[in-house]
Amino acid sequence: MNRFGLLFLAISVFALVPYQRMYAQQDSSGYCDASVVWGDAKTAWHDGVDIFTAPFHFTQPQWMETGVILGGTAALFTLDRSVRLVALRNQSLLADNVFTIGRNYGVATYGIAFSGGVYVGGLLFRSGDLRETGLALLESIAFAGIITSVVKSVVGRSRPFVEEGPFRFRGMQFKDETTSFPSGHPTVAFAISSVLSRKIKNTWASIGLYALATLTAVSRVYDDEHWTSDVFLGAAIGNAMGIAVTDLHQREDGKASFRLTPSLNGLRAELIF
């Protein structure tokens, strides 16, 4: 693990302290025993079943939103080559250093370590809210990662640096250079940011979290590791998964939530029980 990873984990551990103090007086359900962990494992399993069977129960607006995402991805295919050229022409030492932050934020091992740290912190501090946040993060990264990994292999798109153009698809590939679509780093980054944003519920925190995830996405194009359409779909998968998992947890807890989501007609308001 490099220095960024160690720093990231250290900051995560210290970040647990004020969070657990916030909830320590309100919630003591996060006991560190086998029954709690086993219960969370069963919750994750049922959430996974709900997530992966959800398309069979999509409503018309949900299919329309899915179509908008896929249509946007397809439209970006026409810009992939030109955006890549712009990125290659604007390389600099300053940009290298800035994008290193985003690049590391999307590393799956760091995300899993952070999420696991939050979960274990919830157990140790007996904070159900903290424990649930860690579980939601782990679920989001895992579920989004499965979707992204499967699509990567099935599509078999060549990465930009292979110099085969944006329309080279082989199908059923497992090599790194031929599994470009969609991008995994933005998937992880947006999964983490979407969960934390909905848990923290602070406008400035949300702006910062999504800015960091966006930096991750842009860094993959800057590094010539992915096409623009790759990072767009990866970000959409991660964001959708983070929102879906936190909504599932809210329903399981019996908590109501209010959500505004974009649709073809503008914004759609949802009150979720």
C-alpha atoms as a PDB file:
ATOM      1  CA  MET A   1       0.000   0.000   0.000  1.00  0.00           C
ATOM      2  CA  ASN A   2       1.455   3.403  -0.957  1.00  0.00           C
ATOM      3  CA  ARG A   3       1.657   6.514   1.210  1.00  0.00           C
ATOM      4  CA  PHE A   4      -1.692   7.797  -0.002  1.00  0.00           C
ATOM      5  CA  GLY A   5      -3.355   4.567   1.080  1.00  0.00           C
ATOM      6  CA  LEU A   6      -1.829   4.719   4.547  1.00  0.00           C
ATOM      7  CA  LEU A   7      -2.819   8.374   4.929  1.00  0.00           C
ATOM      8  CA  PHE A   8      -6.327   7.621   3.694  1.00  0.00           C
ATOM      9  CA  LEU A   9      -6.778   4.846   6.252  1.00  0.00           C
ATOM     10  CA  ALA A  10      -5.336   6.977   9.062  1.00  0.00           C
ATOM     11  CA  ILE A  11      -7.716   9.837   8.299  1.00  0.00           C
ATOM     12  CA  SER A  12     -10.590   7.363   8.146  1.00  0.00           C
ATOM     13  CA  VAL A  13      -9.807   6.000  11.600  1.00  0.00           C
ATOM     14  CA  PHE A  14      -9.641   9.472  13.155  1.00  0.00           C
ATOM     15  CA  ALA A  15     -12.837  10.453  11.323  1.00  0.00           C
ATOM     16  CA  LEU A  16     -14.664   7.693  13.167  1.00  0.00           C
ATOM     17  CA  VAL A  17     -14.181   9.357  16.537  1.00  0.00           C
ATOM     18  CA  PRO A  18     -16.407  12.448  16.127  1.00  0.00           C
ATOM     19  CA  TYR A  19     -18.950  10.387  14.191  1.00  0.00           C
ATOM     20  CA  GLN A  20     -19.325   7.828  16.945  1.00  0.00           C
ATOM     21  CA  ARG A  21     -19.638  10.578  19.565  1.00  0.00           C
ATOM     22  CA  MET A  22     -22.487  12.036  17.553  1.00  0.00           C
ATOM     23  CA  TYR A  23     -24.508   8.853  17.827  1.00  0.00           C
ATOM     24  CA  ALA A  24     -23.209   7.308  21.040  1.00  0.00           C
ATOM     25  CA  GLN A  25     -25.969   8.860  23.148  1.00  0.00           C
ATOM     26  CA  GLN A  26     -28.676   7.946  20.657  1.00  0.00           C
ATOM     27  CA  ASP A  27     -27.979   4.400  19.593  1.00  0.00           C
ATOM     28  CA  SER A  28     -26.367   1.396  21.243  1.00  0.00           C
ATOM     29  CA  SER A  29     -27.564  -1.286  18.850  1.00  0.00           C
ATOM     30  CA  GLY A  30     -24.176  -1.895  17.234  1.00  0.00           C
ATOM     31  CA  TYR A  31     -22.856  -4.496  19.684  1.00  0.00           C
ATOM     32  CA  CYS A  32     -19.732  -6.281  18.538  1.00  0.00           C
ATOM     33  CA  ASP A  33     -21.025  -9.856  18.613  1.00  0.00           C
ATOM     34  CA  ALA A  34     -21.564 -12.637  16.101  1.00  0.00           C
ATOM     35  CA  SER A  35     -25.333 -12.190  15.944  1.00  0.00           C
ATOM     36  CA  VAL A  36     -25.021  -8.590  14.752  1.00  0.00           C
ATOM     37  CA  VAL A  37     -22.455  -9.477  12.076  1.00  0.00           C
ATOM     38  CA  TRP A  38     -24.527 -12.467  10.966  1.00  0.00           C
ATOM     39  CA  GLY A  39     -27.621 -10.285  10.775  1.00  0.00           C
ATOM     40  CA  ASP A  40     -25.772  -7.754   8.640  1.00  0.00           C
ATOM     41  CA  ALA A  41     -24.536 -10.550   6.364  1.00  0.00           C
ATOM     42  CA  LYS A  42     -28.134 -11.684   5.843  1.00  0.00           C
ATOM     43  CA  THR A  43     -29.176  -8.090   5.184  1.00  0.00           C
ATOM     44  CA  ALA A  44     -26.450  -7.755   2.546  1.00  0.00           C
ATOM     45  CA  TRP A  45     -27.577 -10.996   0.893  1.00  0.00           C
ATOM     46  CA  HIS A  46     -31.233  -9.906   0.740  1.00  0.00           C
ATOM     47  CA  ASP A  47     -30.207  -6.459  -0.500  1.00  0.00           C
ATOM     48  CA  GLY A  48     -28.182  -8.099  -3.256  1.00  0.00           C
ATOM     49  CA  VAL A  49     -31.168 -10.186  -4.328  1.00  0.00           C
ATOM     50  CA  ASP A  50     -33.361  -7.063  -4.382  1.00  0.00           C
ATOM     51  CA  ILE A  51     -30.779  -5.083  -6.346  1.00  0.00           C
ATOM     52  CA  PHE A  52     -30.101  -7.665  -9.041  1.00  0.00           C
ATOM     53  CA  THR A  53     -33.768  -8.573  -9.532  1.00  0.00           C
ATOM     54  CA  ALA A  54     -34.908  -4.925  -9.548  1.00  0.00           C
ATOM     55  CA  PRO A  55     -34.969  -4.625 -13.395  1.00  0.00           C
ATOM     56  CA  PHE A  56     -37.749  -7.217 -13.488  1.00  0.00           C
ATOM     57  CA  HIS A  57     -39.888  -4.787 -11.506  1.00  0.00           C
ATOM     58  CA  PHE A  58     -38.869  -1.475 -13.069  1.00  0.00           C
ATOM     59  CA  THR A  59     -41.607   1.053 -13.644  1.00  0.00           C
ATOM     60  CA  GLN A  60     -41.866   2.980 -16.895  1.00  0.00           C
ATOM     61  CA  PRO A  61     -40.090   6.076 -15.457  1.00  0.00           C
ATOM     62  CA  GLN A  62     -37.249   3.877 -14.199  1.00  0.00           C
ATOM     63  CA  TRP A  63     -36.805   2.327 -17.629  1.00  0.00           C
ATOM     64  CA  MET A  64     -36.842   5.820 -19.135  1.00  0.00           C
ATOM     65  CA  GLU A  65     -34.118   6.948 -16.741  1.00  0.00           C
ATOM     66  CA  THR A  66     -32.079   3.864 -17.636  1.00  0.00           C
ATOM     67  CA  GLY A  67     -32.570   4.706 -21.288  1.00  0.00           C
ATOM     68  CA  VAL A  68     -31.335   8.256 -20.714  1.00  0.00           C
ATOM     69  CA  ILE A  69     -28.136   6.929 -19.106  1.00  0.00           C
ATOM     70  CA  LEU A  70     -27.524   4.435 -21.904  1.00  0.00           C
ATOM     71  CA  GLY A  71     -28.375   7.054 -24.520  1.00  0.00           C
ATOM     72  CA  GLY A  72     -25.964   9.509 -22.928  1.00  0.00           C
ATOM     73  CA  THR A  73     -23.261   6.845 -22.939  1.00  0.00           C
ATOM     74  CA  ALA A  74     -23.876   6.127 -26.620  1.00  0.00           C
ATOM     75  CA  ALA A  75     -23.765   9.839 -27.448  1.00  0.00           C
ATOM     76  CA  LEU A  76     -20.402  10.192 -25.737  1.00  0.00           C
ATOM     77  CA  PHE A  77     -18.960   7.525 -28.043  1.00  0.00           C
ATOM     78  CA  THR A  78     -18.893  10.209 -30.729  1.00  0.00           C
ATOM     79  CA  LEU A  79     -16.745  12.443 -28.506  1.00  0.00           C
ATOM     80  CA  ASP A  80     -14.365   9.810 -27.165  1.00  0.00           C
ATOM     81  CA  ARG A  81     -11.616  10.339 -29.702  1.00  0.00           C
ATOM     82  CA  SER A  82     -11.623  14.159 -29.565  1.00  0.00           C
ATOM     83  CA  VAL A  83     -11.748  14.312 -25.742  1.00  0.00           C
ATOM     84  CA  ARG A  84      -8.808  11.928 -25.589  1.00  0.00           C
ATOM     85  CA  LEU A  85      -6.755  14.185 -27.870  1.00  0.00           C
ATOM     86  CA  VAL A  86      -7.540  17.213 -25.682  1.00  0.00           C
ATOM     87  CA  ALA A  87      -6.453  15.295 -22.573  1.00  0.00           C
ATOM     88  CA  LEU A  88      -3.193  14.151 -24.166  1.00  0.00           C
ATOM     89  CA  ARG A  89      -2.361  17.697 -25.274  1.00  0.00           C
ATOM     90  CA  ASN A  90      -2.838  19.145 -21.795  1.00  0.00           C
ATOM     91  CA  GLN A  91      -0.524  17.015 -19.667  1.00  0.00           C
ATOM     92  CA  SER A  92       1.390  18.836 -16.911  1.00  0.00           C
ATOM     93  CA  LEU A  93       3.121  18.166 -13.608  1.00  0.00           C
ATOM     94  CA  LEU A  94       0.456  20.119 -11.701  1.00  0.00           C
ATOM     95  CA  ALA A  95      -2.331  18.128 -13.309  1.00  0.00           C
ATOM     96  CA  ASP A  96      -0.462  14.894 -12.603  1.00  0.00           C
ATOM     97  CA  ASN A  97      -0.365  15.720  -8.889  1.00  0.00           C
ATOM     98  CA  VAL A  98      -3.997  16.848  -8.730  1.00  0.00           C
ATOM     99  CA  PHE A  99      -5.336  13.806 -10.531  1.00  0.00           C
ATOM    100  CA  THR A 100      -3.331  11.487  -8.276  1.00  0.00           C
ATOM    101  CA  ILE A 101      -5.843  12.329  -5.540  1.00  0.00           C
ATOM    102  CA  GLY A 102      -8.794  11.346  -7.681  1.00  0.00           C
ATOM    103  CA  ARG A 103      -7.046   8.274  -9.039  1.00  0.00           C
ATOM    104  CA  ASN A 104      -6.466   6.918  -5.537  1.00  0.00           C
ATOM    105  CA  TYR A 105      -9.978   7.762  -4.356  1.00  0.00           C
ATOM    106  CA  GLY A 106     -11.332   5.285  -6.877  1.00  0.00           C
ATOM    107  CA  VAL A 107      -9.051   2.373  -5.934  1.00  0.00           C
ATOM    108  CA  ALA A 108     -11.287  -0.496  -4.843  1.00  0.00           C
ATOM    109  CA  THR A 109      -8.936  -1.781  -2.135  1.00  0.00           C
ATOM    110  CA  TYR A 110      -8.848   1.628  -0.452  1.00  0.00           C
ATOM    111  CA  GLY A 111     -12.615   1.933  -0.689  1.00  0.00           C
ATOM    112  CA  ILE A 112     -13.155  -1.501   0.820  1.00  0.00           C
ATOM    113  CA  ALA A 113     -10.624  -0.802   3.590  1.00  0.00           C
ATOM    114  CA  PHE A 114     -12.331   2.497   4.406  1.00  0.00           C
ATOM    115  CA  SER A 115     -15.803   0.928   4.357  1.00  0.00           C
ATOM    116  CA  GLY A 116     -14.653  -1.970   6.499  1.00  0.00           C
ATOM    117  CA  GLY A 117     -13.082   0.495   8.937  1.00  0.00           C
ATOM    118  CA  VAL A 118     -16.365   2.378   9.232  1.00  0.00           C
ATOM    119  CA  TYR A 119     -18.248  -0.872   9.801  1.00  0.00           C
ATOM    120  CA  VAL A 120     -15.821  -2.156  12.445  1.00  0.00           C
ATOM    121  CA  GLY A 121     -15.873   1.274  14.080  1.00  0.00           C
ATOM    122  CA  GLY A 122     -19.650   0.997  14.354  1.00  0.00           C
ATOM    123  CA  LEU A 123     -19.271  -2.357  16.070  1.00  0.00           C
ATOM    124  CA  LEU A 124     -16.582  -1.180  18.472  1.00  0.00           C
ATOM    125  CA  PHE A 125     -18.333   2.087  19.328  1.00  0.00           C
ATOM    126  CA  ARG A 126     -21.744   0.379  19.492  1.00  0.00           C
ATOM    127  CA  SER A 127     -23.170   2.804  16.961  1.00  0.00           C
ATOM    128  CA  GLY A 128     -25.846   1.295  14.742  1.00  0.00           C
ATOM    129  CA  ASP A 129     -25.802   4.300  12.408  1.00  0.00           C
ATOM    130  CA  LEU A 130     -22.073   4.092  11.881  1.00  0.00           C
ATOM    131  CA  ARG A 131     -22.218   0.333  11.400  1.00  0.00           C
ATOM    132  CA  GLU A 132     -25.035   0.681   8.871  1.00  0.00           C
ATOM    133  CA  THR A 133     -23.069   3.299   6.950  1.00  0.00           C
ATOM    134  CA  GLY A 134     -20.126   0.918   6.686  1.00  0.00           C
ATOM    135  CA  LEU A 135     -22.434  -1.876   5.542  1.00  0.00           C
ATOM    136  CA  ALA A 136     -24.052   0.369   2.927  1.00  0.00           C
ATOM    137  CA  LEU A 137     -20.616   1.370   1.620  1.00  0.00           C
ATOM    138  CA  LEU A 138     -19.470  -2.252   1.383  1.00  0.00           C
ATOM    139  CA  GLU A 139     -22.673  -3.308  -0.369  1.00  0.00           C
ATOM    140  CA  SER A 140     -22.538  -0.432  -2.842  1.00  0.00           C
ATOM    141  CA  ILE A 141     -18.921  -1.083  -3.807  1.00  0.00           C
ATOM    142  CA  ALA A 142     -19.532  -4.834  -4.094  1.00  0.00           C
ATOM    143  CA  PHE A 143     -22.777  -4.682  -6.100  1.00  0.00           C
ATOM    144  CA  ALA A 144     -21.556  -1.912  -8.414  1.00  0.00           C
ATOM    145  CA  GLY A 145     -18.236  -3.707  -8.835  1.00  0.00           C
ATOM    146  CA  ILE A 146     -19.965  -6.921  -9.889  1.00  0.00           C
ATOM    147  CA  ILE A 147     -22.011  -5.117 -12.533  1.00  0.00           C
ATOM    148  CA  THR A 148     -19.018  -3.198 -13.864  1.00  0.00           C
ATOM    149  CA  SER A 149     -16.770  -6.277 -13.950  1.00  0.00           C
ATOM    150  CA  VAL A 150     -19.323  -8.381 -15.821  1.00  0.00           C
ATOM    151  CA  VAL A 151     -19.979  -5.675 -18.402  1.00  0.00           C
ATOM    152  CA  LYS A 152     -16.228  -5.126 -18.846  1.00  0.00           C
ATOM    153  CA  SER A 153     -15.652  -8.768 -19.741  1.00  0.00           C
ATOM    154  CA  VAL A 154     -18.754  -9.190 -21.901  1.00  0.00           C
ATOM    155  CA  VAL A 155     -18.126  -6.027 -23.966  1.00  0.00           C
ATOM    156  CA  GLY A 156     -14.340  -6.388 -24.272  1.00  0.00           C
ATOM    157  CA  ARG A 157     -13.584  -2.817 -25.305  1.00  0.00           C
ATOM    158  CA  SER A 158      -9.981  -1.807 -25.977  1.00  0.00           C
ATOM    159  CA  ARG A 159      -8.444   0.883 -23.796  1.00  0.00           C
ATOM    160  CA  PRO A 160      -7.292   4.120 -25.456  1.00  0.00           C
ATOM    161  CA  PHE A 161      -3.564   3.451 -25.081  1.00  0.00           C
ATOM    162  CA  VAL A 162      -3.934   0.250 -27.160  1.00  0.00           C
ATOM    163  CA  GLU A 163      -4.434   2.600 -30.149  1.00  0.00           C
ATOM    164  CA  GLU A 164      -7.289   0.616 -31.703  1.00  0.00           C
ATOM    165  CA  GLY A 165      -9.828   3.432 -31.533  1.00  0.00           C
ATOM    166  CA  PRO A 166     -13.006   3.832 -29.466  1.00  0.00           C
ATOM    167  CA  PHE A 167     -15.045   1.304 -31.454  1.00  0.00           C
ATOM    168  CA  ARG A 168     -12.959  -1.843 -30.960  1.00  0.00           C
ATOM    169  CA  PHE A 169     -15.016  -4.461 -29.121  1.00  0.00           C
ATOM    170  CA  ARG A 170     -13.937  -8.081 -28.870  1.00  0.00           C
ATOM    171  CA  GLY A 171     -16.401  -9.575 -26.415  1.00  0.00           C
ATOM    172  CA  MET A 172     -15.603 -11.947 -23.540  1.00  0.00           C
ATOM    173  CA  GLN A 173     -12.232 -10.530 -22.589  1.00  0.00           C
ATOM    174  CA  PHE A 174     -10.375 -10.715 -19.279  1.00  0.00           C
ATOM    175  CA  LYS A 175      -7.139  -8.844 -20.008  1.00  0.00           C
ATOM    176  CA  ASP A 176      -6.747  -5.371 -18.567  1.00  0.00           C
ATOM    177  CA  GLU A 177      -6.046  -3.726 -21.923  1.00  0.00           C
ATOM    178  CA  THR A 178      -9.288  -5.065 -23.422  1.00  0.00           C
ATOM    179  CA  THR A 179     -11.686  -4.418 -20.525  1.00  0.00           C
ATOM    180  CA  SER A 180     -12.116  -0.656 -20.715  1.00  0.00           C
ATOM    181  CA  PHE A 181     -15.924  -0.298 -20.640  1.00  0.00           C
ATOM    182  CA  PRO A 182     -17.136   0.794 -18.135  1.00  0.00           C
ATOM    183  CA  SER A 183     -14.488   2.307 -15.874  1.00  0.00           C
ATOM    184  CA  GLY A 184     -14.074   0.753 -12.429  1.00  0.00           C
ATOM    185  CA  HIS A 185     -12.484   3.710 -10.598  1.00  0.00           C
ATOM    186  CA  PRO A 186     -15.474   6.067 -11.098  1.00  0.00           C
ATOM    187  CA  THR A 187     -17.773   3.190 -10.160  1.00  0.00           C
ATOM    188  CA  VAL A 188     -16.083   2.894  -6.761  1.00  0.00           C
ATOM    189  CA  ALA A 189     -15.704   6.660  -6.262  1.00  0.00           C
ATOM    190  CA  PHE A 190     -19.350   7.477  -6.998  1.00  0.00           C
ATOM    191  CA  ALA A 191     -20.600   4.522  -4.962  1.00  0.00           C
ATOM    192  CA  ILE A 192     -18.711   5.858  -1.925  1.00  0.00           C
ATOM    193  CA  SER A 193     -19.633   9.499  -2.482  1.00  0.00           C
ATOM    194  CA  SER A 194     -23.336   8.807  -3.048  1.00  0.00           C
ATOM    195  CA  VAL A 195     -23.658   6.746   0.144  1.00  0.00           C
ATOM    196  CA  LEU A 196     -21.749   9.247   2.304  1.00  0.00           C
ATOM    197  CA  SER A 197     -23.650  12.165   0.801  1.00  0.00           C
ATOM    198  CA  ARG A 198     -27.011  10.635   1.661  1.00  0.00           C
ATOM    199  CA  LYS A 199     -25.836   9.648   5.148  1.00  0.00           C
ATOM    200  CA  ILE A 200     -24.205  12.962   6.070  1.00  0.00           C
ATOM    201  CA  LYS A 201     -27.001  15.089   4.541  1.00  0.00           C
ATOM    202  CA  ASN A 202     -24.945  18.257   4.301  1.00  0.00           C
ATOM    203  CA  THR A 203     -24.876  20.312   1.112  1.00  0.00           C
ATOM    204  CA  TRP A 204     -21.209  21.300   1.326  1.00  0.00           C
ATOM    205  CA  ALA A 205     -20.149  17.767   2.194  1.00  0.00           C
ATOM    206  CA  SER A 206     -22.111  16.468  -0.800  1.00  0.00           C
ATOM    207  CA  ILE A 207     -20.467  19.002  -3.105  1.00  0.00           C
ATOM    208  CA  GLY A 208     -17.036  17.978  -1.867  1.00  0.00           C
ATOM    209  CA  LEU A 209     -17.744  14.259  -2.124  1.00  0.00           C
ATOM    210  CA  TYR A 210     -19.112  14.455  -5.652  1.00  0.00           C
ATOM    211  CA  ALA A 211     -16.303  16.804  -6.716  1.00  0.00           C
ATOM    212  CA  LEU A 212     -13.801  14.209  -5.519  1.00  0.00           C
ATOM    213  CA  ALA A 213     -15.625  11.444  -7.397  1.00  0.00           C
ATOM    214  CA  THR A 214     -15.706  13.614 -10.532  1.00  0.00           C
ATOM    215  CA  LEU A 215     -11.954  14.179 -10.176  1.00  0.00           C
ATOM    216  CA  THR A 216     -11.561  10.399 -10.156  1.00  0.00           C
ATOM    217  CA  ALA A 217     -13.566  10.086 -13.366  1.00  0.00           C
ATOM    218  CA  VAL A 218     -11.632  12.825 -15.170  1.00  0.00           C
ATOM    219  CA  SER A 219      -8.318  11.357 -14.026  1.00  0.00           C
ATOM    220  CA  ARG A 220      -9.017   8.121 -15.900  1.00  0.00           C
ATOM    221  CA  VAL A 221      -9.386  10.012 -19.180  1.00  0.00           C
ATOM    222  CA  TYR A 222      -6.366  12.189 -18.379  1.00  0.00           C
ATOM    223  CA  ASP A 223      -4.260   9.075 -17.695  1.00  0.00           C
ATOM    224  CA  ASP A 224      -5.351   7.611 -21.056  1.00  0.00           C
ATOM    225  CA  GLU A 225      -6.750   4.568 -19.247  1.00  0.00           C
ATOM    226  CA  HIS A 226     -10.357   5.064 -20.331  1.00  0.00           C
ATOM    227  CA  TRP A 227     -12.607   6.726 -22.861  1.00  0.00           C
ATOM    228  CA  THR A 228     -15.087   9.405 -21.745  1.00  0.00           C
ATOM    229  CA  SER A 229     -18.024   7.059 -22.286  1.00  0.00           C
ATOM    230  CA  ASP A 230     -16.323   4.493 -20.042  1.00  0.00           C
ATOM    231  CA  VAL A 231     -16.130   6.860 -17.071  1.00  0.00           C
ATOM    232  CA  PHE A 232     -19.641   8.221 -17.623  1.00  0.00           C
ATOM    233  CA  LEU A 233     -21.266   4.796 -17.412  1.00  0.00           C
ATOM    234  CA  GLY A 234     -19.024   3.730 -14.518  1.00  0.00           C
ATOM    235  CA  ALA A 235     -20.001   6.846 -12.579  1.00  0.00           C
ATOM    236  CA  ALA A 236     -23.699   6.243 -13.315  1.00  0.00           C
ATOM    237  CA  ILE A 237     -23.490   2.646 -12.074  1.00  0.00           C
ATOM    238  CA  GLY A 238     -21.720   3.628  -8.853  1.00  0.00           C
ATOM    239  CA  ASN A 239     -24.081   6.519  -8.143  1.00  0.00           C
ATOM    240  CA  ALA A 240     -27.212   4.482  -8.861  1.00  0.00           C
ATOM    241  CA  MET A 241     -26.001   1.656  -6.655  1.00  0.00           C
ATOM    242  CA  GLY A 242     -25.201   3.959  -3.734  1.00  0.00           C
ATOM    243  CA  ILE A 243     -28.659   5.525  -3.916  1.00  0.00           C
ATOM    244  CA  ALA A 244     -30.399   2.163  -4.287  1.00  0.00           C
ATOM    245  CA  VAL A 245     -28.613   0.603  -1.302  1.00  0.00           C
ATOM    246  CA  THR A 246     -29.237   3.546   1.028  1.00  0.00           C
ATOM    247  CA  ASP A 247     -32.909   3.551   0.003  1.00  0.00           C
ATOM    248  CA  LEU A 248     -33.143  -0.146   0.827  1.00  0.00           C
ATOM    249  CA  HIS A 249     -31.637   0.454   4.260  1.00  0.00           C
ATOM    250  CA  GLN A 250     -34.040   3.303   4.958  1.00  0.00           C
ATOM    251  CA  ARG A 251     -37.003   1.098   4.120  1.00  0.00           C
ATOM    252  CA  GLU A 252     -35.671  -1.727   6.277  1.00  0.00           C
ATOM    253  CA  ASP A 253     -35.282   0.695   9.187  1.00  0.00           C
ATOM    254  CA  GLY A 254     -38.775   2.039   8.676  1.00  0.00           C
ATOM    255  CA  LYS A 255     -37.439   5.548   8.072  1.00  0.00           C
ATOM    256  CA  ALA A 256     -39.072   7.846   5.580  1.00  0.00           C
ATOM    257  CA  SER A 257     -36.975   9.786   3.098  1.00  0.00           C
ATOM    258  CA  PHE A 258     -37.572  12.459   0.478  1.00  0.00           C
ATOM    259  CA  ARG A 259     -35.732  12.341  -2.827  1.00  0.00           C
ATOM    260  CA  LEU A 260     -35.545  14.456  -5.948  1.00  0.00           C
ATOM    261  CA  THR A 261     -34.359  12.621  -9.044  1.00  0.00           C
ATOM    262  CA  PRO A 262     -33.939  13.821 -12.641  1.00  0.00           C
ATOM    263  CA  SER A 263     -36.386  12.571 -15.245  1.00  0.00           C
ATOM    264  CA  LEU A 264     -37.248  13.400 -18.847  1.00  0.00           C
ATOM    265  CA  ASN A 265     -39.840  15.909 -17.632  1.00  0.00           C
ATOM    266  CA  GLY A 266     -37.558  17.664 -15.154  1.00  0.00           C
ATOM    267  CA  LEU A 267     -37.408  16.568 -11.516  1.00  0.00           C
ATOM    268  CA  ARG A 268     -39.423  13.837  -9.847  1.00  0.00           C
ATOM    269  CA  ALA A 269     -40.185  14.009  -6.120  1.00  0.00           C
ATOM    270  CA  GLU A 270     -40.430  10.758  -4.185  1.00  0.00           C
ATOM    271  CA  LEU A 271     -41.441  10.160  -0.586  1.00  0.00           C
ATOM    272  CA  ILE A 272     -40.047   6.748   0.383  1.00  0.00           C
ATOM    273  CA  PHE A 273     -41.339   4.841   3.409  1.00  0.00           C
END
